[in-house]
C-alpha cells in the first residue's frame, strides 16, 4: 500500500493539470511546478496595465492640454503586452521571437511618437484640437473615455501575437521564417518612410510643398501601408495553429482603423488644408494606400 500511495503521489506531482486544452483561448496548465498561462490571463493583465498607464497619461494630458499622449500610450501599451506575453509563456524560440517582434514594432512606434510629436512640442495634434472644440466643457471627461478605450485596443492587437506564441512546435519552421521576414521588412519600411518625411519637413525650402521623395512617390501613406503589412507576419507565423483565424484580427482591424477611422481621413483633410492645390495634384497622381507607379494628373 505504501508503494502504491507513493506512486500515486509521484503521478500527481508530474501530471499535467489542464483547465482547457493548451490551444484553447483560456488555457492554464501546471507541469512539474512550471506555470504556462494560456491566452486569457496575459490578455487581461495587458489590458489592466494599459488602462493604468492610459489613466496616468490622461491626467498628464489634461494638465498640459495635449491629448496627443493617447497615441503614445497605445504603442507603449503594446510594448508592455510583449513583455507580459513572454513572461507568461513557456520558453520557446517561437515565443521569444514573436515577443521581440512585437516589442520592436511597438517600441519603434512609441519612440517615434515621443521624439517626433510630443517631446518638446506643446502644440496639440489638430485631431484632438478639433475634438476639444467640439466637446467644449466636457472635453477632459470625454478624453478619458478615449484614453481608456485604447487599452482595449491593446488587447485586440495582442491576440495575433499570442496565437503565434502558443503554437505547438518547439523549433521555428518555414512559416516562422517567412512571417518574421515579412514583419521585419514592413517595420523597416515604416521606419524608412517616417525618416524620409521627417527630413522633408526639416527642409525649409519645401515649406508648403508635398513630399514625393522615396516611398512617398508611390503611396500617399507608405508608413501606414507598411504598418498594415507587418500584421501579416503574424498570420504566416500562426499557420498550423487551430486558432490561426484569430490572427486575421490584426490586418483586418488595422486596415479599417488606418483607412477609414483615425489615420488616412484626418491626414488627407489636414494636408488639403495646409497644402491646397499641391496636395490635390498629389491625390490625382499617387495612390492613397497601396503603392503603385504614379501617373500624370
Protein backbone atom coordinates (compact mmCIF):
# COMPACT_ATOMS: atom_id res chain seq x y z
CA UNK A 1 0.00 0.00 0.00
CA UNK A 2 2.83 2.41 0.80
CA UNK A 3 4.42 1.75 -2.58
CA UNK A 4 1.06 2.34 -4.31
CA UNK A 5 0.48 5.52 -2.32
CA UNK A 6 3.94 6.86 -3.21
CA UNK A 7 3.35 6.06 -6.89
CA UNK A 8 0.08 7.98 -6.84
CA UNK A 9 1.81 10.99 -5.25
CA UNK A 10 4.54 10.89 -7.90
CA UNK A 11 1.95 10.65 -10.65
CA UNK A 12 0.04 13.63 -9.27
CA UNK A 13 3.23 15.68 -8.97
CA UNK A 14 4.27 15.06 -12.56
CA UNK A 15 0.83 15.17 -14.12
CA UNK A 16 -0.38 17.92 -16.38
CA UNK A 17 -3.40 19.56 -14.86
CA UNK A 18 -5.37 21.15 -17.69
CA UNK A 19 -8.30 23.50 -17.30
CA UNK A 20 -8.64 23.67 -21.08
CA UNK A 21 -6.67 22.23 -23.94
CA UNK A 22 -3.38 24.15 -24.33
CA UNK A 23 -4.55 25.57 -27.66
CA UNK A 24 -7.79 26.92 -26.23
CA UNK A 25 -8.20 30.60 -25.57
CA UNK A 26 -8.27 30.31 -21.78
CA UNK A 27 -5.74 27.53 -21.29
CA UNK A 28 -3.97 27.29 -17.94
CA UNK A 29 -1.83 24.30 -17.00
CA UNK A 30 0.85 23.30 -14.50
CA UNK A 31 3.65 20.89 -15.44
CA UNK A 32 6.29 19.84 -12.91
CA UNK A 33 5.89 23.07 -10.99
CA UNK A 34 6.22 25.33 -14.08
CA UNK A 35 3.37 27.65 -14.99
CA UNK A 36 2.11 28.00 -18.51
CA UNK A 37 -0.67 30.55 -18.78
CA UNK A 38 -2.85 30.49 -21.89
CA UNK A 39 -4.17 33.46 -23.79
CA UNK A 40 -6.80 34.88 -21.48
CA UNK A 41 -4.66 35.70 -18.43
CA UNK A 42 -1.91 37.68 -20.25
CA UNK A 43 -4.58 39.38 -22.33
CA UNK A 44 -6.42 40.64 -19.25
CA UNK A 45 -3.19 41.61 -17.49
CA UNK A 46 -2.03 43.62 -20.51
CA UNK A 47 -5.37 45.43 -20.70
CA UNK A 48 -5.17 46.21 -16.97
CA UNK A 49 -1.62 47.58 -17.21
CA UNK A 50 -2.53 49.61 -20.30
CA UNK A 51 -5.58 51.00 -18.52
CA UNK A 52 -3.42 52.19 -15.62
CA UNK A 53 -0.88 53.72 -18.00
CA UNK A 54 -3.56 55.49 -20.02
CA UNK A 55 -5.15 56.89 -16.88
CA UNK A 56 -1.82 58.37 -15.77
CA UNK A 57 -1.23 59.79 -19.26
CA UNK A 58 -4.75 61.24 -19.30
CA UNK A 59 -4.08 63.07 -16.05
CA UNK A 60 -0.86 64.47 -17.51
CA UNK A 61 -2.50 65.33 -20.85
CA UNK A 62 -5.32 67.12 -19.03
CA UNK A 63 -2.82 69.23 -17.12
CA UNK A 64 -0.89 70.31 -20.24
CA UNK A 65 -3.93 70.24 -22.56
CA UNK A 66 -2.35 67.91 -25.09
CA UNK A 67 -4.33 64.74 -25.80
CA UNK A 68 -1.71 63.52 -28.27
CA UNK A 69 -0.26 61.42 -25.47
CA UNK A 70 -3.05 58.90 -26.08
CA UNK A 71 -1.24 57.64 -29.19
CA UNK A 72 1.99 57.16 -27.26
CA UNK A 73 0.04 55.35 -24.57
CA UNK A 74 -1.31 52.82 -27.06
CA UNK A 75 2.10 51.97 -28.51
CA UNK A 76 3.65 51.85 -25.02
CA UNK A 77 0.82 49.53 -24.01
CA UNK A 78 1.80 47.19 -26.84
CA UNK A 79 5.38 47.22 -25.51
CA UNK A 80 4.08 46.09 -22.13
CA UNK A 81 1.94 43.45 -23.85
CA UNK A 82 5.06 41.99 -25.48
CA UNK A 83 6.76 41.72 -22.08
CA UNK A 84 3.69 40.15 -20.47
CA UNK A 85 3.36 37.67 -23.32
CA UNK A 86 6.94 36.45 -22.97
CA UNK A 87 6.70 36.30 -19.17
CA UNK A 88 3.51 34.22 -19.26
CA UNK A 89 4.68 31.56 -21.70
CA UNK A 90 6.94 28.53 -21.54
CA UNK A 91 10.28 29.44 -23.04
CA UNK A 92 10.44 28.57 -26.73
CA UNK A 93 12.20 30.16 -29.66
CA UNK A 94 8.84 30.99 -31.21
CA UNK A 95 7.55 32.74 -28.09
CA UNK A 96 10.81 34.66 -27.79
CA UNK A 97 10.84 35.69 -31.46
CA UNK A 98 7.24 36.86 -31.55
CA UNK A 99 7.62 38.79 -28.28
CA UNK A 100 10.74 40.52 -29.58
CA UNK A 101 8.98 41.26 -32.86
CA UNK A 102 6.03 42.90 -31.11
CA UNK A 103 8.42 44.76 -28.79
CA UNK A 104 10.47 46.02 -31.76
CA UNK A 105 7.47 47.30 -33.69
CA UNK A 106 5.72 48.91 -30.72
CA UNK A 107 8.94 50.30 -29.25
CA UNK A 108 9.92 51.94 -32.54
CA UNK A 109 6.47 53.47 -32.89
CA UNK A 110 6.42 54.69 -29.28
CA UNK A 111 9.85 56.30 -29.58
CA UNK A 112 8.90 57.92 -32.90
CA UNK A 113 5.73 59.42 -31.44
CA UNK A 114 7.54 60.59 -28.32
CA UNK A 115 10.50 62.22 -30.07
CA UNK A 116 8.80 63.48 -33.23
CA UNK A 117 5.43 64.62 -31.93
CA UNK A 118 5.44 65.04 -28.16
CA UNK A 119 8.85 65.73 -26.64
CA UNK A 120 9.34 69.49 -26.52
CA UNK A 121 6.22 70.05 -28.63
CA UNK A 122 3.47 71.82 -26.73
CA UNK A 123 1.14 72.02 -29.74
CA UNK A 124 -1.73 69.55 -29.66
CA UNK A 125 -2.44 67.45 -32.76
CA UNK A 126 -5.22 69.02 -34.84
CA UNK A 127 -7.34 65.87 -34.47
CA UNK A 128 -7.56 66.45 -30.75
CA UNK A 129 -7.84 70.22 -31.08
CA UNK A 130 -10.96 69.70 -33.17
CA UNK A 131 -12.37 67.22 -30.66
CA UNK A 132 -11.62 69.61 -27.81
CA UNK A 133 -13.52 72.40 -29.54
CA UNK A 134 -16.40 70.08 -30.41
CA UNK A 135 -16.77 68.71 -26.88
CA UNK A 136 -16.33 72.05 -25.15
CA UNK A 137 -16.59 71.89 -21.36
CA UNK A 138 -16.87 68.09 -21.35
CA UNK A 139 -13.65 67.62 -23.35
CA UNK A 140 -11.47 66.39 -20.50
CA UNK A 141 -14.08 63.87 -19.36
CA UNK A 142 -14.63 62.60 -22.91
CA UNK A 143 -10.91 62.30 -23.48
CA UNK A 144 -10.78 59.95 -20.50
CA UNK A 145 -13.01 57.55 -22.41
CA UNK A 146 -10.77 57.90 -25.46
CA UNK A 147 -7.64 57.15 -23.44
CA UNK A 148 -9.13 54.14 -21.67
CA UNK A 149 -10.55 52.80 -24.93
CA UNK A 150 -7.00 52.47 -26.26
CA UNK A 151 -6.33 49.89 -23.55
CA UNK A 152 -8.98 47.63 -25.10
CA UNK A 153 -7.28 48.01 -28.47
CA UNK A 154 -4.06 46.78 -26.89
CA UNK A 155 -5.91 43.56 -26.08
CA UNK A 156 -7.33 43.31 -29.59
CA UNK A 157 -3.97 43.69 -31.33
CA UNK A 158 -2.21 41.46 -28.83
CA UNK A 159 -4.28 38.44 -29.90
CA UNK A 160 -2.38 37.62 -33.15
CA UNK A 161 0.97 37.57 -31.36
CA UNK A 162 -0.47 35.45 -28.55
CA UNK A 163 -1.73 32.87 -31.03
CA UNK A 164 1.74 32.61 -32.55
CA UNK A 165 3.48 32.33 -29.18
CA UNK A 166 1.22 29.43 -28.17
CA UNK A 167 1.52 27.49 -31.44
CA UNK A 168 2.74 23.94 -30.95
CA UNK A 169 6.26 23.01 -32.03
CA UNK A 170 9.46 23.87 -30.22
CA UNK A 171 11.62 24.84 -33.20
CA UNK A 172 10.95 27.60 -35.73
CA UNK A 173 9.79 26.34 -39.14
CA UNK A 174 9.46 27.81 -42.63
CA UNK A 175 6.28 29.71 -41.67
CA UNK A 176 8.10 31.39 -38.79
CA UNK A 177 10.92 32.44 -41.13
CA UNK A 178 8.50 33.79 -43.75
CA UNK A 179 6.38 35.63 -41.19
CA UNK A 180 9.39 37.09 -39.42
CA UNK A 181 10.82 38.25 -42.75
CA UNK A 182 7.57 39.96 -43.80
CA UNK A 183 7.17 41.69 -40.44
CA UNK A 184 10.79 42.87 -40.24
CA UNK A 185 10.72 44.24 -43.80
CA UNK A 186 7.47 46.06 -43.04
CA UNK A 187 8.86 47.57 -39.83
CA UNK A 188 11.98 48.68 -41.71
CA UNK A 189 9.80 50.18 -44.44
CA UNK A 190 7.68 52.08 -41.94
CA UNK A 191 10.79 53.44 -40.25
CA UNK A 192 12.27 54.48 -43.62
CA UNK A 193 9.06 56.27 -44.65
CA UNK A 194 8.96 58.15 -41.34
CA UNK A 195 12.60 59.24 -41.74
CA UNK A 196 12.05 60.38 -45.33
CA UNK A 197 9.09 62.50 -44.28
CA UNK A 198 10.96 63.92 -41.28
CA UNK A 199 13.89 65.01 -43.48
CA UNK A 200 11.47 66.59 -45.94
CA UNK A 201 9.72 68.58 -43.21
CA UNK A 202 13.05 69.86 -41.88
CA UNK A 203 13.96 71.32 -45.28
CA UNK A 204 12.84 75.00 -45.17
CA UNK A 205 12.75 75.21 -48.96
CA UNK A 206 9.99 72.57 -49.01
CA UNK A 207 7.54 74.51 -46.84
CA UNK A 208 4.04 74.24 -48.28
CA UNK A 209 5.11 71.52 -50.72
CA UNK A 210 4.22 67.83 -50.82
CA UNK A 211 6.74 65.11 -50.07
CA UNK A 212 7.22 62.93 -53.16
CA UNK A 213 10.57 61.54 -52.15
CA UNK A 214 11.42 57.87 -51.80
CA UNK A 215 8.47 55.77 -50.76
CA UNK A 216 6.18 58.81 -50.82
CA UNK A 217 6.44 58.87 -54.60
CA UNK A 218 4.44 55.63 -54.83
CA UNK A 219 1.92 55.99 -52.00
CA UNK A 220 0.45 58.94 -50.14
CA UNK A 221 0.70 56.95 -46.90
CA UNK A 222 3.56 54.42 -47.19
CA UNK A 223 4.11 54.40 -43.42
CA UNK A 224 0.52 53.29 -42.86
CA UNK A 225 0.81 50.69 -45.62
CA UNK A 226 3.91 49.17 -44.01
CA UNK A 227 2.27 49.21 -40.58
CA UNK A 228 -0.62 47.23 -42.06
CA UNK A 229 1.64 44.74 -43.87
CA UNK A 230 3.59 43.82 -40.75
CA UNK A 231 0.47 42.23 -39.25
CA UNK A 232 0.55 39.60 -41.99
CA UNK A 233 3.78 38.39 -40.42
CA UNK A 234 1.75 37.03 -37.50
CA UNK A 235 -0.75 35.43 -39.90
CA UNK A 236 2.09 33.49 -41.56
CA UNK A 237 3.77 32.55 -38.29
CA UNK A 238 0.49 31.13 -36.94
CA UNK A 239 -0.04 28.64 -39.79
CA UNK A 240 -0.74 25.28 -38.19
CA UNK A 241 -2.42 26.67 -35.08
CA UNK A 242 -6.10 25.79 -34.53
CA UNK A 243 -6.57 29.45 -33.59
CA UNK A 244 -4.94 30.71 -36.79
CA UNK A 245 -8.12 32.52 -37.86
CA UNK A 246 -7.74 34.93 -34.91
CA UNK A 247 -4.53 36.34 -36.36
CA UNK A 248 -6.60 37.95 -39.13
CA UNK A 249 -7.88 40.38 -36.50
CA UNK A 250 -4.59 42.26 -36.86
CA UNK A 251 -4.60 43.13 -40.58
CA UNK A 252 -8.39 43.49 -40.79
CA UNK A 253 -8.82 45.93 -37.93
CA UNK A 254 -5.59 47.79 -38.67
CA UNK A 255 -6.76 48.40 -42.24
CA UNK A 256 -10.16 49.63 -41.05
CA UNK A 257 -8.62 52.00 -38.48
CA UNK A 258 -5.93 53.35 -40.80
CA UNK A 259 -8.01 53.62 -43.94
CA UNK A 260 -11.36 54.78 -42.59
CA UNK A 261 -11.13 55.91 -38.95
CA UNK A 262 -8.05 57.50 -37.36
CA UNK A 263 -5.28 57.53 -39.96
CA UNK A 264 -5.82 58.48 -43.58
CA UNK A 265 -9.07 60.52 -43.39
CA UNK A 266 -7.64 63.02 -40.92
CA UNK A 267 -4.26 63.24 -42.65
CA UNK A 268 -5.89 63.85 -46.02
CA UNK A 269 -8.08 66.65 -44.64
CA UNK A 270 -5.16 68.34 -42.94
CA UNK A 271 -2.91 68.05 -45.99
CA UNK A 272 -5.57 69.62 -48.22
CA UNK A 273 -5.99 72.42 -45.72
CA UNK A 274 -2.27 73.16 -45.38
CA UNK A 275 -1.03 72.42 -48.92
CA UNK A 276 -4.05 73.12 -51.08
CA UNK A 277 -3.64 72.58 -54.83
CA UNK A 278 -0.25 70.93 -54.42
CA UNK A 279 -1.85 68.15 -52.43
CA UNK A 280 -4.84 67.91 -54.78
CA UNK A 281 -2.39 67.23 -57.59
CA UNK A 282 -0.68 64.64 -55.40
CA UNK A 283 -4.06 62.96 -54.88
CA UNK A 284 -4.59 62.80 -58.63
CA UNK A 285 -1.23 61.19 -59.37
CA UNK A 286 -0.39 58.98 -56.37
CA UNK A 287 -2.33 56.04 -54.83
CA UNK A 288 -3.72 56.70 -51.40
CA UNK A 289 -2.58 53.46 -49.73
CA UNK A 290 -1.33 50.58 -51.89
CA UNK A 291 1.96 51.63 -53.57
CA UNK A 292 1.93 51.86 -57.35
CA UNK A 293 3.62 53.76 -60.14
CA UNK A 294 2.43 57.40 -60.12
CA UNK A 295 0.56 58.63 -63.18
CA UNK A 296 0.07 62.02 -64.79
CA UNK A 297 -2.73 64.22 -63.48
